[in-house]
Amino acid sequence: MSDEKTNPENLVSATILVQLRNSKGDFYEYASKNAMQLSLTGYSQNLSDGLYKVFVEGEKSSIQSFIGYMEMNKAFAGMDKIDVGDIMVS
């Protein structure tokens, strides 16, 4: 990881809704590991409609990498569908 301070002007956030077909615990571990590697912060939660919500904050390029990695590996991670809300400036 880089020792550079994150420029607050470059911070953005994204809300990602994921429909899973298997264990939410496995997905949580997968998402957490990838978010930490990209220096992202945030949280995840189960929603009542069967979706899993992931909220992340960090550099826009890191969030885009996180989303891209999830989309490329969704079959492996047990994801049926990924819906990304707008990436918002924090």
Protein backbone atom coordinates (compact mmCIF):
# COMPACT_ATOMS: atom_id res chain seq x y z
CA MET A 1 0.00 0.00 0.00
CA SER A 2 1.05 3.53 -0.65
CA ASP A 3 2.08 5.93 2.10
CA GLU A 4 0.62 8.86 0.17
CA LYS A 5 -2.27 10.67 1.83
CA THR A 6 -5.56 10.45 -0.04
CA ASN A 7 -6.58 13.80 -1.46
CA PRO A 8 -10.05 14.61 -0.06
CA GLU A 9 -10.95 16.19 -3.39
CA ASN A 10 -10.61 12.77 -5.05
CA LEU A 11 -12.85 10.92 -2.57
CA VAL A 12 -16.05 9.46 -3.94
CA SER A 13 -18.57 6.86 -2.81
CA ALA A 14 -20.64 4.18 -4.48
CA THR A 15 -23.55 1.99 -3.47
CA ILE A 16 -23.51 -1.46 -5.03
CA LEU A 17 -26.43 -3.89 -4.80
CA VAL A 18 -25.59 -7.55 -5.29
CA GLN A 19 -27.91 -10.52 -5.75
CA LEU A 20 -26.20 -13.64 -4.42
CA ARG A 21 -26.88 -17.30 -5.07
CA ASN A 22 -24.76 -18.70 -2.26
CA SER A 23 -23.33 -17.85 1.14
CA LYS A 24 -23.29 -14.18 2.06
CA GLY A 25 -20.36 -14.95 4.37
CA ASP A 26 -18.23 -16.02 1.42
CA PHE A 27 -19.14 -12.86 -0.49
CA TYR A 28 -18.44 -10.65 2.54
CA GLU A 29 -14.95 -12.11 2.83
CA TYR A 30 -14.37 -11.71 -0.93
CA ALA A 31 -15.58 -8.08 -0.99
CA SER A 32 -13.73 -7.11 2.20
CA LYS A 33 -10.43 -8.50 0.98
CA ASN A 34 -10.67 -6.70 -2.36
CA ALA A 35 -11.79 -3.41 -0.79
CA MET A 36 -8.90 -3.47 1.68
CA GLN A 37 -6.39 -4.14 -1.11
CA LEU A 38 -7.69 -1.02 -2.87
CA SER A 39 -7.68 1.11 0.33
CA LEU A 40 -11.46 1.49 0.27
CA THR A 41 -13.62 1.93 3.36
CA GLY A 42 -17.32 1.29 3.83
CA TYR A 43 -19.80 -1.29 4.98
CA SER A 44 -22.10 -4.01 3.74
CA GLN A 45 -25.49 -5.24 4.88
CA ASN A 46 -28.23 -7.71 4.04
CA LEU A 47 -31.40 -6.06 2.76
CA SER A 48 -34.89 -7.40 3.37
CA ASP A 49 -35.48 -8.00 -0.34
CA GLY A 50 -32.70 -10.59 -0.60
CA LEU A 51 -30.08 -8.21 -1.94
CA TYR A 52 -26.75 -7.43 -0.35
CA LYS A 53 -25.75 -3.75 -0.16
CA VAL A 54 -22.10 -2.69 -0.37
CA PHE A 55 -21.22 0.97 0.28
CA VAL A 56 -17.61 1.99 -0.45
CA GLU A 57 -15.65 5.24 -0.23
CA GLY A 58 -12.24 6.05 -1.61
CA GLU A 59 -10.41 7.16 -4.72
CA LYS A 60 -12.61 7.01 -7.82
CA SER A 61 -10.11 4.83 -9.67
CA SER A 62 -10.05 2.35 -6.76
CA ILE A 63 -13.85 2.14 -6.68
CA GLN A 64 -13.92 1.58 -10.43
CA SER A 65 -11.32 -1.19 -10.04
CA PHE A 66 -13.37 -2.76 -7.22
CA ILE A 67 -16.54 -2.75 -9.35
CA GLY A 68 -14.68 -4.06 -12.39
CA TYR A 69 -13.13 -6.89 -10.40
CA MET A 70 -16.54 -7.86 -8.99
CA GLU A 71 -18.09 -7.86 -12.47
CA MET A 72 -15.25 -9.94 -13.94
CA ASN A 73 -15.44 -12.50 -11.14
CA LYS A 74 -19.14 -12.56 -10.37
CA ALA A 75 -19.60 -16.23 -11.29
CA PHE A 76 -16.69 -17.24 -9.08
CA ALA A 77 -17.97 -15.16 -6.15
CA GLY A 78 -21.54 -16.46 -6.45
CA MET A 79 -23.08 -13.21 -7.69
CA ASP A 80 -26.09 -13.36 -9.99
CA LYS A 81 -26.50 -9.64 -10.51
CA ILE A 82 -24.61 -6.43 -9.72
CA ASP A 83 -26.31 -3.04 -9.77
CA VAL A 84 -24.07 -0.02 -9.24
CA GLY A 85 -25.63 3.26 -8.20
CA ASP A 86 -24.08 6.53 -9.27
CA ILE A 87 -20.57 7.17 -8.04
CA MET A 88 -20.98 10.29 -5.92
CA VAL A 89 -18.46 12.85 -4.73
CA SER A 90 -18.35 12.61 -0.93
